[in-house]
């Protein structure tokens, strides 16, 4: 395992890597490159607790079950969004149009919320059925109530049941994926 503070390679390592620190480092870099090759979408997740709202760029999201319709999102523990989802028990997942890729950079830190103008960092939003903010520019959204959460290392997997969803623009709008940007997260 890595030393405290995240320095050094992270195990476990296959038997052929052994105890050699250079081999472990090379394997750790290889594993990160392979993990970065997995296809990921890029989304803005909306969160709310009371009157506090936030929007955050997120790439770890997937459907987990068909019946009921469950969505899982991975959120780092120190993130403001983590606090809001933990307290509020709701989140929205907004797709982003591929042509609007610059939007995700606007949601990498806690946002400025203007309730009078109903904007998050200047982007119009409305409250979903759950109260979680939904970007008006999102081609599609899922509005979810948290049904469970699982601590997974430095992240929590929030499992939300879809209680509302919709297309807000053309259903065929190509949506943003990680490979459409120069961003990477994970590995």
N, C-alpha and C. Protein backbone atom coordinates (compact mmCIF):
# COMPACT_ATOMS: atom_id res chain seq x y z
N UNK A 1 0.83 -1.18 0.00
CA UNK A 1 0.00 0.00 0.00
C UNK A 1 0.88 1.25 0.00
N UNK A 2 0.31 2.35 -0.41
CA UNK A 2 1.05 3.61 -0.47
C UNK A 2 1.31 4.13 0.93
N UNK A 3 2.35 4.92 1.01
CA UNK A 3 2.65 5.58 2.26
C UNK A 3 1.57 6.62 2.54
N UNK A 4 1.39 7.02 3.82
CA UNK A 4 0.40 8.05 4.12
C UNK A 4 0.65 9.30 3.27
N UNK A 5 -0.44 9.95 2.88
CA UNK A 5 -0.31 11.14 2.04
C UNK A 5 -0.32 10.83 0.57
N UNK A 6 -0.46 9.54 0.20
CA UNK A 6 -0.58 9.18 -1.20
C UNK A 6 0.74 9.12 -1.96
N UNK A 7 1.86 9.04 -1.26
CA UNK A 7 3.14 8.95 -1.97
C UNK A 7 3.48 7.51 -2.21
N UNK A 8 4.14 7.25 -3.30
CA UNK A 8 4.57 5.90 -3.61
C UNK A 8 3.50 5.10 -4.31
N UNK A 9 3.89 3.97 -4.92
CA UNK A 9 2.94 3.12 -5.63
C UNK A 9 1.94 2.49 -4.66
N UNK A 10 0.80 2.14 -5.20
CA UNK A 10 -0.27 1.54 -4.40
C UNK A 10 -0.43 0.09 -4.80
N UNK A 11 -0.38 -0.82 -3.83
CA UNK A 11 -0.57 -2.24 -4.08
C UNK A 11 -2.03 -2.60 -4.05
N UNK A 12 -2.37 -3.85 -4.21
CA UNK A 12 -1.45 -4.98 -4.27
C UNK A 12 -0.80 -5.10 -5.65
N UNK A 13 0.26 -5.88 -5.66
CA UNK A 13 1.01 -6.08 -6.89
C UNK A 13 1.02 -7.56 -7.25
N UNK A 14 0.96 -7.86 -8.56
CA UNK A 14 1.05 -9.27 -8.98
C UNK A 14 2.38 -9.88 -8.55
N UNK A 15 2.38 -11.18 -8.41
CA UNK A 15 3.56 -11.89 -7.94
C UNK A 15 4.80 -11.56 -8.76
N UNK A 16 4.65 -11.42 -10.10
CA UNK A 16 5.81 -11.18 -10.95
C UNK A 16 6.45 -9.81 -10.69
N UNK A 17 5.73 -8.87 -10.06
CA UNK A 17 6.29 -7.55 -9.75
C UNK A 17 7.24 -7.64 -8.56
N UNK A 18 6.87 -8.46 -7.58
CA UNK A 18 7.73 -8.67 -6.42
C UNK A 18 7.81 -7.45 -5.52
N UNK A 19 8.92 -7.36 -4.78
CA UNK A 19 9.12 -6.31 -3.78
C UNK A 19 10.00 -5.17 -4.28
N UNK A 20 10.42 -5.21 -5.54
CA UNK A 20 11.30 -4.18 -6.09
C UNK A 20 10.52 -2.87 -6.24
N UNK A 21 10.93 -1.80 -5.55
CA UNK A 21 10.21 -0.52 -5.62
C UNK A 21 10.11 0.04 -7.05
N UNK A 22 11.15 -0.16 -7.88
CA UNK A 22 11.09 0.34 -9.26
C UNK A 22 10.06 -0.45 -10.07
N UNK A 23 10.00 -1.76 -9.89
CA UNK A 23 9.01 -2.59 -10.59
C UNK A 23 7.60 -2.24 -10.11
N UNK A 24 7.45 -2.00 -8.81
CA UNK A 24 6.14 -1.60 -8.29
C UNK A 24 5.70 -0.26 -8.87
N UNK A 25 6.63 0.67 -8.98
CA UNK A 25 6.31 1.98 -9.54
C UNK A 25 5.91 1.85 -11.01
N UNK A 26 6.65 1.04 -11.78
CA UNK A 26 6.34 0.84 -13.20
C UNK A 26 4.96 0.18 -13.34
N UNK A 27 4.66 -0.81 -12.50
CA UNK A 27 3.36 -1.47 -12.55
C UNK A 27 2.24 -0.50 -12.18
N UNK A 28 2.48 0.31 -11.16
CA UNK A 28 1.48 1.29 -10.73
C UNK A 28 1.17 2.27 -11.87
N UNK A 29 2.18 2.74 -12.59
CA UNK A 29 1.96 3.64 -13.74
C UNK A 29 1.19 2.92 -14.85
N UNK A 30 1.53 1.66 -15.13
CA UNK A 30 0.82 0.87 -16.14
C UNK A 30 -0.66 0.72 -15.76
N UNK A 31 -0.91 0.36 -14.51
CA UNK A 31 -2.29 0.17 -14.06
C UNK A 31 -3.10 1.47 -14.20
N UNK A 32 -2.49 2.62 -13.88
CA UNK A 32 -3.19 3.90 -14.05
C UNK A 32 -3.52 4.15 -15.51
N UNK A 33 -2.59 3.86 -16.42
CA UNK A 33 -2.86 4.07 -17.85
C UNK A 33 -4.01 3.17 -18.33
N UNK A 34 -4.03 1.92 -17.86
CA UNK A 34 -5.11 1.01 -18.25
C UNK A 34 -6.44 1.52 -17.69
N UNK A 35 -6.46 1.95 -16.43
CA UNK A 35 -7.70 2.48 -15.85
C UNK A 35 -8.16 3.74 -16.58
N UNK A 36 -7.23 4.59 -16.99
CA UNK A 36 -7.58 5.81 -17.73
C UNK A 36 -8.19 5.47 -19.09
N UNK A 37 -7.92 4.27 -19.60
CA UNK A 37 -8.45 3.90 -20.92
C UNK A 37 -9.92 3.47 -20.86
N UNK A 38 -10.45 3.23 -19.64
CA UNK A 38 -11.86 2.87 -19.53
C UNK A 38 -12.71 4.05 -19.97
N UNK A 39 -13.79 3.80 -20.71
CA UNK A 39 -14.63 4.92 -21.15
C UNK A 39 -15.45 5.48 -19.99
N UNK A 40 -15.42 6.79 -19.85
CA UNK A 40 -16.17 7.49 -18.82
C UNK A 40 -16.92 8.64 -19.45
N UNK A 41 -18.11 8.90 -18.95
CA UNK A 41 -18.82 10.12 -19.31
C UNK A 41 -18.37 11.23 -18.39
N UNK A 42 -18.71 12.45 -18.76
CA UNK A 42 -18.50 13.60 -17.88
C UNK A 42 -19.86 14.25 -17.65
N UNK A 43 -20.15 14.52 -16.42
CA UNK A 43 -21.46 15.00 -16.02
C UNK A 43 -21.29 16.18 -15.06
N UNK A 44 -22.40 16.84 -14.78
CA UNK A 44 -22.47 17.75 -13.64
C UNK A 44 -23.49 17.14 -12.70
N UNK A 45 -23.05 16.86 -11.46
CA UNK A 45 -23.96 16.33 -10.46
C UNK A 45 -24.43 17.49 -9.60
N UNK A 46 -25.74 17.58 -9.45
CA UNK A 46 -26.32 18.62 -8.60
C UNK A 46 -26.61 18.04 -7.23
N UNK A 47 -26.39 18.85 -6.18
CA UNK A 47 -26.64 18.38 -4.82
C UNK A 47 -27.33 19.49 -4.03
N UNK A 48 -28.04 19.07 -3.00
CA UNK A 48 -28.75 20.05 -2.19
C UNK A 48 -28.98 19.49 -0.79
N UNK A 49 -28.80 20.37 0.20
CA UNK A 49 -29.17 20.09 1.58
C UNK A 49 -29.76 21.40 2.11
N UNK A 50 -31.03 21.38 2.41
CA UNK A 50 -31.71 22.62 2.82
C UNK A 50 -31.68 23.61 1.67
N UNK A 51 -31.21 24.81 1.95
CA UNK A 51 -31.12 25.83 0.91
C UNK A 51 -29.75 25.85 0.23
N UNK A 52 -28.82 25.02 0.70
CA UNK A 52 -27.48 24.96 0.09
C UNK A 52 -27.52 24.07 -1.13
N UNK A 53 -26.93 24.56 -2.22
CA UNK A 53 -26.89 23.81 -3.49
C UNK A 53 -25.47 23.86 -4.04
N UNK A 54 -25.18 22.88 -4.87
CA UNK A 54 -23.89 22.86 -5.55
C UNK A 54 -24.03 22.07 -6.84
N UNK A 55 -23.11 22.33 -7.74
CA UNK A 55 -22.95 21.54 -8.96
C UNK A 55 -21.48 21.17 -9.05
N UNK A 56 -21.19 19.94 -9.43
CA UNK A 56 -19.80 19.47 -9.47
C UNK A 56 -19.58 18.57 -10.67
N UNK A 57 -18.46 18.76 -11.35
CA UNK A 57 -18.06 17.86 -12.43
C UNK A 57 -17.80 16.48 -11.84
N UNK A 58 -18.31 15.47 -12.52
CA UNK A 58 -18.19 14.10 -12.03
C UNK A 58 -18.06 13.16 -13.22
N UNK A 59 -17.23 12.14 -13.07
CA UNK A 59 -17.14 11.16 -14.15
C UNK A 59 -17.44 9.74 -13.71
N UNK A 60 -17.52 9.49 -12.43
CA UNK A 60 -17.81 8.14 -11.98
C UNK A 60 -19.30 8.00 -11.74
N UNK A 61 -20.00 7.56 -12.77
CA UNK A 61 -21.45 7.38 -12.71
C UNK A 61 -21.83 6.20 -13.58
N UNK A 62 -22.77 5.40 -13.09
CA UNK A 62 -23.23 4.26 -13.88
C UNK A 62 -24.59 3.79 -13.38
N UNK A 63 -25.34 3.14 -14.24
CA UNK A 63 -26.57 2.49 -13.81
C UNK A 63 -26.17 1.21 -13.07
N UNK A 64 -26.82 0.98 -11.92
CA UNK A 64 -26.48 -0.18 -11.11
C UNK A 64 -27.55 -1.27 -11.13
N UNK A 65 -28.80 -0.89 -11.38
CA UNK A 65 -29.89 -1.88 -11.35
C UNK A 65 -31.01 -1.43 -12.26
N UNK A 66 -31.75 -2.43 -12.77
CA UNK A 66 -32.91 -2.16 -13.62
C UNK A 66 -34.18 -1.99 -12.80
N UNK A 67 -34.34 -2.80 -11.75
CA UNK A 67 -35.57 -2.76 -10.95
C UNK A 67 -35.20 -2.81 -9.48
N UNK A 68 -35.24 -1.74 -8.76
CA UNK A 68 -35.61 -0.40 -9.23
C UNK A 68 -34.47 0.21 -10.04
N UNK A 69 -34.75 1.31 -10.72
CA UNK A 69 -33.73 2.01 -11.50
C UNK A 69 -32.78 2.71 -10.54
N UNK A 70 -31.55 2.17 -10.42
CA UNK A 70 -30.56 2.72 -9.50
C UNK A 70 -29.35 3.24 -10.25
N UNK A 71 -28.86 4.39 -9.83
CA UNK A 71 -27.67 5.03 -10.38
C UNK A 71 -26.64 5.12 -9.26
N UNK A 72 -25.39 4.84 -9.59
CA UNK A 72 -24.31 5.00 -8.62
C UNK A 72 -23.37 6.09 -9.06
N UNK A 73 -22.99 6.96 -8.11
CA UNK A 73 -21.99 7.99 -8.38
C UNK A 73 -20.93 7.94 -7.30
N UNK A 74 -19.67 8.11 -7.68
CA UNK A 74 -18.57 8.13 -6.74
C UNK A 74 -18.14 9.56 -6.47
N UNK A 75 -18.16 9.96 -5.18
CA UNK A 75 -17.82 11.33 -4.79
C UNK A 75 -16.77 11.29 -3.69
N UNK A 76 -15.70 12.06 -3.87
CA UNK A 76 -14.63 12.13 -2.86
C UNK A 76 -15.16 12.67 -1.53
N UNK A 77 -14.65 12.11 -0.44
CA UNK A 77 -15.11 12.51 0.90
C UNK A 77 -14.97 14.00 1.18
N UNK A 78 -13.86 14.67 0.84
CA UNK A 78 -13.77 16.09 1.21
C UNK A 78 -14.60 17.04 0.34
N UNK A 79 -15.22 16.55 -0.72
CA UNK A 79 -15.96 17.42 -1.64
C UNK A 79 -17.21 17.99 -0.96
N UNK A 80 -17.48 19.25 -1.23
CA UNK A 80 -18.70 19.90 -0.74
C UNK A 80 -19.94 19.13 -1.19
N UNK A 81 -19.91 18.62 -2.40
CA UNK A 81 -21.01 17.81 -2.92
C UNK A 81 -21.26 16.59 -2.04
N UNK A 82 -20.20 15.97 -1.54
CA UNK A 82 -20.33 14.81 -0.65
C UNK A 82 -21.12 15.22 0.60
N UNK A 83 -20.77 16.35 1.16
CA UNK A 83 -21.47 16.86 2.35
C UNK A 83 -22.95 17.07 2.06
N UNK A 84 -23.25 17.71 0.93
CA UNK A 84 -24.64 18.01 0.60
C UNK A 84 -25.45 16.75 0.32
N UNK A 85 -24.88 15.80 -0.42
CA UNK A 85 -25.61 14.56 -0.70
C UNK A 85 -25.81 13.76 0.59
N UNK A 86 -24.79 13.71 1.44
CA UNK A 86 -24.92 12.99 2.72
C UNK A 86 -26.03 13.59 3.57
N UNK A 87 -26.09 14.91 3.62
CA UNK A 87 -27.09 15.58 4.46
C UNK A 87 -28.47 15.63 3.80
N UNK A 88 -28.50 15.91 2.49
CA UNK A 88 -29.76 16.13 1.81
C UNK A 88 -30.42 14.88 1.27
N UNK A 89 -29.62 13.85 1.00
CA UNK A 89 -30.17 12.59 0.51
C UNK A 89 -30.67 12.61 -0.92
N UNK A 90 -30.22 13.60 -1.72
CA UNK A 90 -30.66 13.69 -3.12
C UNK A 90 -29.49 14.13 -4.00
N UNK A 91 -29.60 13.80 -5.28
CA UNK A 91 -28.66 14.33 -6.26
C UNK A 91 -29.29 14.24 -7.64
N UNK A 92 -28.80 15.10 -8.53
CA UNK A 92 -29.19 15.01 -9.94
C UNK A 92 -27.93 14.71 -10.74
N UNK A 93 -28.11 14.06 -11.85
CA UNK A 93 -27.00 13.78 -12.75
C UNK A 93 -27.37 14.36 -14.11
N UNK A 94 -26.62 15.38 -14.54
CA UNK A 94 -26.90 16.09 -15.79
C UNK A 94 -25.87 15.72 -16.84
N UNK A 95 -26.33 15.28 -18.01
CA UNK A 95 -25.40 15.07 -19.11
C UNK A 95 -25.02 16.44 -19.67
N UNK A 96 -23.90 16.49 -20.35
CA UNK A 96 -23.40 17.72 -20.96
C UNK A 96 -23.21 17.45 -22.45
N UNK A 97 -23.66 18.39 -23.27
CA UNK A 97 -23.47 18.24 -24.72
C UNK A 97 -21.98 18.29 -25.04
N UNK A 98 -21.55 17.45 -25.97
CA UNK A 98 -20.15 17.40 -26.36
C UNK A 98 -19.66 18.78 -26.79
N UNK A 99 -20.50 19.55 -27.47
CA UNK A 99 -20.09 20.88 -27.93
C UNK A 99 -19.96 21.88 -26.78
N UNK A 100 -20.48 21.55 -25.60
CA UNK A 100 -20.41 22.43 -24.43
C UNK A 100 -19.35 21.99 -23.44
N UNK A 101 -18.31 21.32 -23.91
CA UNK A 101 -17.32 20.71 -23.01
C UNK A 101 -16.68 21.67 -22.02
N UNK A 102 -16.62 22.97 -22.34
CA UNK A 102 -16.02 23.95 -21.42
C UNK A 102 -16.81 24.07 -20.12
N UNK A 103 -18.06 23.67 -20.14
CA UNK A 103 -18.89 23.78 -18.94
C UNK A 103 -18.29 23.00 -17.76
N UNK A 104 -17.76 21.81 -18.02
CA UNK A 104 -17.30 20.98 -16.90
C UNK A 104 -16.18 21.65 -16.11
N UNK A 105 -15.37 22.47 -16.74
CA UNK A 105 -14.30 23.18 -16.01
C UNK A 105 -14.87 24.20 -15.03
N UNK A 106 -16.09 24.66 -15.28
CA UNK A 106 -16.74 25.65 -14.40
C UNK A 106 -17.27 25.02 -13.12
N UNK A 107 -17.25 23.69 -13.05
CA UNK A 107 -17.83 23.00 -11.89
C UNK A 107 -16.82 22.12 -11.16
N UNK A 108 -15.55 22.50 -11.20
CA UNK A 108 -14.52 21.72 -10.51
C UNK A 108 -14.29 22.19 -9.08
N UNK A 109 -14.88 23.31 -8.69
CA UNK A 109 -14.80 23.83 -7.33
C UNK A 109 -16.22 24.21 -6.90
N UNK A 110 -16.46 24.38 -5.58
CA UNK A 110 -17.81 24.81 -5.17
C UNK A 110 -18.26 26.04 -5.97
N UNK A 111 -19.52 26.05 -6.32
CA UNK A 111 -20.04 27.06 -7.23
C UNK A 111 -20.62 28.27 -6.50
N UNK A 112 -20.75 29.35 -7.27
CA UNK A 112 -21.49 30.52 -6.79
C UNK A 112 -22.95 30.29 -7.15
N UNK A 113 -23.79 30.32 -6.14
CA UNK A 113 -25.22 30.11 -6.34
C UNK A 113 -25.92 31.46 -6.25
N UNK A 114 -26.69 31.78 -7.26
CA UNK A 114 -27.51 33.00 -7.26
C UNK A 114 -28.96 32.55 -7.34
N UNK A 115 -29.62 32.49 -6.17
CA UNK A 115 -31.00 32.01 -6.13
C UNK A 115 -31.96 32.98 -6.79
N UNK A 116 -31.66 34.28 -6.73
CA UNK A 116 -32.55 35.26 -7.37
C UNK A 116 -32.57 35.05 -8.88
N UNK A 117 -31.40 34.77 -9.46
CA UNK A 117 -31.30 34.54 -10.91
C UNK A 117 -31.44 33.05 -11.25
N UNK A 118 -31.44 32.18 -10.23
CA UNK A 118 -31.47 30.72 -10.41
C UNK A 118 -30.33 30.27 -11.33
N UNK A 119 -29.09 30.63 -10.90
CA UNK A 119 -27.90 30.22 -11.64
C UNK A 119 -26.88 29.58 -10.71
N UNK A 120 -26.12 28.68 -11.27
CA UNK A 120 -24.94 28.08 -10.64
C UNK A 120 -23.77 28.49 -11.53
N UNK A 121 -22.86 29.29 -10.99
CA UNK A 121 -21.73 29.80 -11.78
C UNK A 121 -22.19 30.43 -13.09
N UNK A 122 -23.34 31.08 -13.05
CA UNK A 122 -23.86 31.77 -14.23
C UNK A 122 -24.69 30.91 -15.16
N UNK A 123 -24.82 29.61 -14.89
CA UNK A 123 -25.61 28.70 -15.72
C UNK A 123 -26.99 28.51 -15.09
N UNK A 124 -28.02 28.74 -15.89
CA UNK A 124 -29.39 28.62 -15.40
C UNK A 124 -29.67 27.19 -14.93
N UNK A 125 -30.44 27.10 -13.85
CA UNK A 125 -30.86 25.79 -13.35
C UNK A 125 -32.28 25.90 -12.81
N UNK A 126 -32.87 24.75 -12.62
CA UNK A 126 -34.15 24.66 -11.92
C UNK A 126 -34.04 23.51 -10.93
N UNK A 127 -34.87 23.56 -9.91
CA UNK A 127 -34.88 22.48 -8.93
C UNK A 127 -35.69 21.32 -9.47
N UNK A 128 -35.13 20.13 -9.33
CA UNK A 128 -35.84 18.93 -9.75
C UNK A 128 -36.91 18.55 -8.73
N UNK A 129 -37.57 17.43 -8.98
CA UNK A 129 -38.59 16.91 -8.08
C UNK A 129 -38.03 16.75 -6.67
N UNK A 130 -36.77 16.31 -6.58
CA UNK A 130 -36.14 16.10 -5.27
C UNK A 130 -35.65 17.39 -4.64
N UNK A 131 -35.58 18.45 -5.42
CA UNK A 131 -34.99 19.70 -4.96
C UNK A 131 -33.56 19.89 -5.40
N UNK A 132 -32.94 18.83 -5.92
CA UNK A 132 -31.56 18.94 -6.42
C UNK A 132 -31.56 19.81 -7.68
N UNK A 133 -30.51 20.64 -7.83
CA UNK A 133 -30.46 21.50 -9.01
C UNK A 133 -30.18 20.71 -10.29
N UNK A 134 -30.86 21.13 -11.37
CA UNK A 134 -30.70 20.53 -12.69
C UNK A 134 -30.35 21.65 -13.66
N UNK A 135 -29.22 21.53 -14.35
CA UNK A 135 -28.82 22.56 -15.31
C UNK A 135 -29.80 22.59 -16.48
N UNK A 136 -30.24 23.79 -16.83
CA UNK A 136 -31.17 23.94 -17.95
C UNK A 136 -30.51 23.58 -19.29
N UNK A 137 -29.19 23.72 -19.36
CA UNK A 137 -28.48 23.42 -20.61
C UNK A 137 -28.21 21.94 -20.79
N UNK A 138 -28.49 21.12 -19.78
CA UNK A 138 -28.21 19.67 -19.86
C UNK A 138 -29.13 19.02 -20.90
N UNK A 139 -28.58 18.25 -21.82
CA UNK A 139 -29.43 17.54 -22.77
C UNK A 139 -30.41 16.59 -22.07
N UNK A 140 -29.95 15.97 -20.97
CA UNK A 140 -30.79 15.03 -20.23
C UNK A 140 -30.37 15.07 -18.76
N UNK A 141 -31.26 14.58 -17.91
CA UNK A 141 -30.95 14.55 -16.48
C UNK A 141 -31.64 13.35 -15.83
N UNK A 142 -31.08 12.96 -14.71
CA UNK A 142 -31.67 11.96 -13.82
C UNK A 142 -31.76 12.62 -12.44
N UNK A 143 -32.90 12.56 -11.81
CA UNK A 143 -33.11 13.14 -10.49
C UNK A 143 -33.29 11.98 -9.53
N UNK A 144 -32.45 11.92 -8.50
CA UNK A 144 -32.36 10.72 -7.68
C UNK A 144 -32.47 10.99 -6.18
N UNK A 145 -33.07 10.04 -5.48
CA UNK A 145 -33.07 10.02 -4.03
C UNK A 145 -32.11 8.93 -3.59
N UNK A 146 -31.24 9.25 -2.63
CA UNK A 146 -30.25 8.29 -2.15
C UNK A 146 -30.95 7.15 -1.41
N UNK A 147 -30.62 5.94 -1.81
CA UNK A 147 -31.16 4.73 -1.17
C UNK A 147 -30.12 4.04 -0.30
N UNK A 148 -28.83 4.27 -0.63
CA UNK A 148 -27.75 3.63 0.12
C UNK A 148 -26.46 4.35 -0.20
N UNK A 149 -25.46 4.14 0.62
CA UNK A 149 -24.13 4.66 0.32
C UNK A 149 -23.10 3.67 0.84
N UNK A 150 -22.00 3.57 0.13
CA UNK A 150 -20.95 2.62 0.47
C UNK A 150 -19.63 3.37 0.43
N UNK A 151 -18.89 3.34 1.53
CA UNK A 151 -17.57 3.96 1.54
C UNK A 151 -16.62 3.06 0.76
N UNK A 152 -15.94 3.65 -0.22
CA UNK A 152 -15.02 2.91 -1.08
C UNK A 152 -13.70 3.66 -1.09
N UNK A 153 -12.88 3.46 -0.08
CA UNK A 153 -11.61 4.18 0.01
C UNK A 153 -11.86 5.65 0.26
N UNK A 154 -11.29 6.51 -0.59
CA UNK A 154 -11.40 7.96 -0.43
C UNK A 154 -12.70 8.52 -1.00
N UNK A 155 -13.57 7.65 -1.52
CA UNK A 155 -14.83 8.07 -2.13
C UNK A 155 -16.00 7.37 -1.43
N UNK A 156 -17.18 7.90 -1.65
CA UNK A 156 -18.41 7.22 -1.27
C UNK A 156 -19.18 6.95 -2.55
N UNK A 157 -19.67 5.72 -2.69
CA UNK A 157 -20.57 5.38 -3.78
C UNK A 157 -21.98 5.66 -3.28
N UNK A 158 -22.59 6.73 -3.80
CA UNK A 158 -23.97 7.04 -3.47
C UNK A 158 -24.86 6.32 -4.46
N UNK A 159 -25.80 5.55 -3.94
CA UNK A 159 -26.72 4.79 -4.77
C UNK A 159 -28.06 5.50 -4.71
N UNK A 160 -28.48 6.02 -5.87
CA UNK A 160 -29.71 6.79 -5.92
C UNK A 160 -30.74 6.13 -6.81
N UNK A 161 -32.00 6.18 -6.37
CA UNK A 161 -33.10 5.68 -7.20
C UNK A 161 -33.60 6.84 -8.05
N UNK A 162 -33.78 6.57 -9.34
CA UNK A 162 -34.27 7.59 -10.26
C UNK A 162 -35.75 7.82 -9.96
N UNK A 163 -36.07 9.06 -9.53
CA UNK A 163 -37.47 9.40 -9.25
C UNK A 163 -38.04 10.33 -10.32
N UNK A 164 -37.16 10.89 -11.16
CA UNK A 164 -37.58 11.71 -12.28
C UNK A 164 -36.43 11.77 -13.27
N UNK A 165 -36.74 11.97 -14.53
CA UNK A 165 -35.71 12.11 -15.55
C UNK A 165 -36.33 12.76 -16.77
N UNK A 166 -35.49 13.17 -17.69
CA UNK A 166 -36.03 13.72 -18.91
C UNK A 166 -34.97 14.21 -19.86
N UNK A 167 -35.39 14.42 -21.08
CA UNK A 167 -34.59 15.08 -22.09
C UNK A 167 -35.04 16.54 -22.12
N UNK A 168 -34.10 17.46 -22.10
CA UNK A 168 -34.44 18.87 -22.13
C UNK A 168 -34.15 19.49 -23.50
N UNK A 169 -33.42 18.74 -24.31
CA UNK A 169 -33.05 19.18 -25.65
C UNK A 169 -33.18 17.97 -26.57
N UNK A 170 -32.64 18.05 -27.74
CA UNK A 170 -32.71 16.96 -28.70
C UNK A 170 -32.15 15.67 -28.09
N UNK A 171 -32.95 14.64 -28.11
CA UNK A 171 -32.56 13.35 -27.54
C UNK A 171 -31.30 12.78 -28.19
N UNK A 172 -31.00 13.18 -29.41
CA UNK A 172 -29.84 12.67 -30.13
C UNK A 172 -28.58 13.52 -29.94
N UNK A 173 -28.60 14.48 -29.01
CA UNK A 173 -27.44 15.32 -28.75
C UNK A 173 -26.27 14.46 -28.30
N UNK A 174 -25.13 14.51 -29.00
CA UNK A 174 -23.96 13.76 -28.52
C UNK A 174 -23.51 14.31 -27.16
N UNK A 175 -23.30 13.41 -26.22
CA UNK A 175 -22.92 13.84 -24.87
C UNK A 175 -21.42 13.68 -24.63
N UNK A 176 -20.96 14.47 -23.69
CA UNK A 176 -19.54 14.57 -23.38
C UNK A 176 -19.01 13.30 -22.72
N UNK A 177 -17.81 12.92 -23.14
CA UNK A 177 -17.09 11.81 -22.53
C UNK A 177 -15.70 12.31 -22.14
N UNK A 178 -15.08 11.61 -21.23
CA UNK A 178 -13.76 12.02 -20.75
C UNK A 178 -12.77 12.18 -21.89
N UNK A 179 -12.82 11.28 -22.87
CA UNK A 179 -11.85 11.34 -23.97
C UNK A 179 -12.05 12.55 -24.88
N UNK A 180 -13.17 13.27 -24.71
CA UNK A 180 -13.40 14.49 -25.49
C UNK A 180 -12.65 15.69 -24.90
N UNK A 181 -12.02 15.49 -23.76
CA UNK A 181 -11.30 16.57 -23.08
C UNK A 181 -9.85 16.14 -22.85
N UNK A 182 -9.11 17.02 -22.27
CA UNK A 182 -7.73 16.68 -21.87
C UNK A 182 -7.69 16.30 -20.40
N UNK A 183 -8.84 16.14 -19.81
CA UNK A 183 -8.93 15.80 -18.39
C UNK A 183 -8.75 14.30 -18.20
N UNK A 184 -8.27 13.92 -17.03
CA UNK A 184 -8.33 12.53 -16.62
C UNK A 184 -8.48 12.50 -15.11
N UNK A 185 -9.16 11.50 -14.66
CA UNK A 185 -9.40 11.34 -13.22
C UNK A 185 -9.49 9.86 -12.96
N UNK A 186 -8.78 9.44 -12.00
CA UNK A 186 -8.80 8.02 -11.67
C UNK A 186 -7.46 7.38 -11.92
N UNK A 187 -7.46 6.10 -11.76
CA UNK A 187 -6.23 5.35 -11.97
C UNK A 187 -5.42 5.32 -10.72
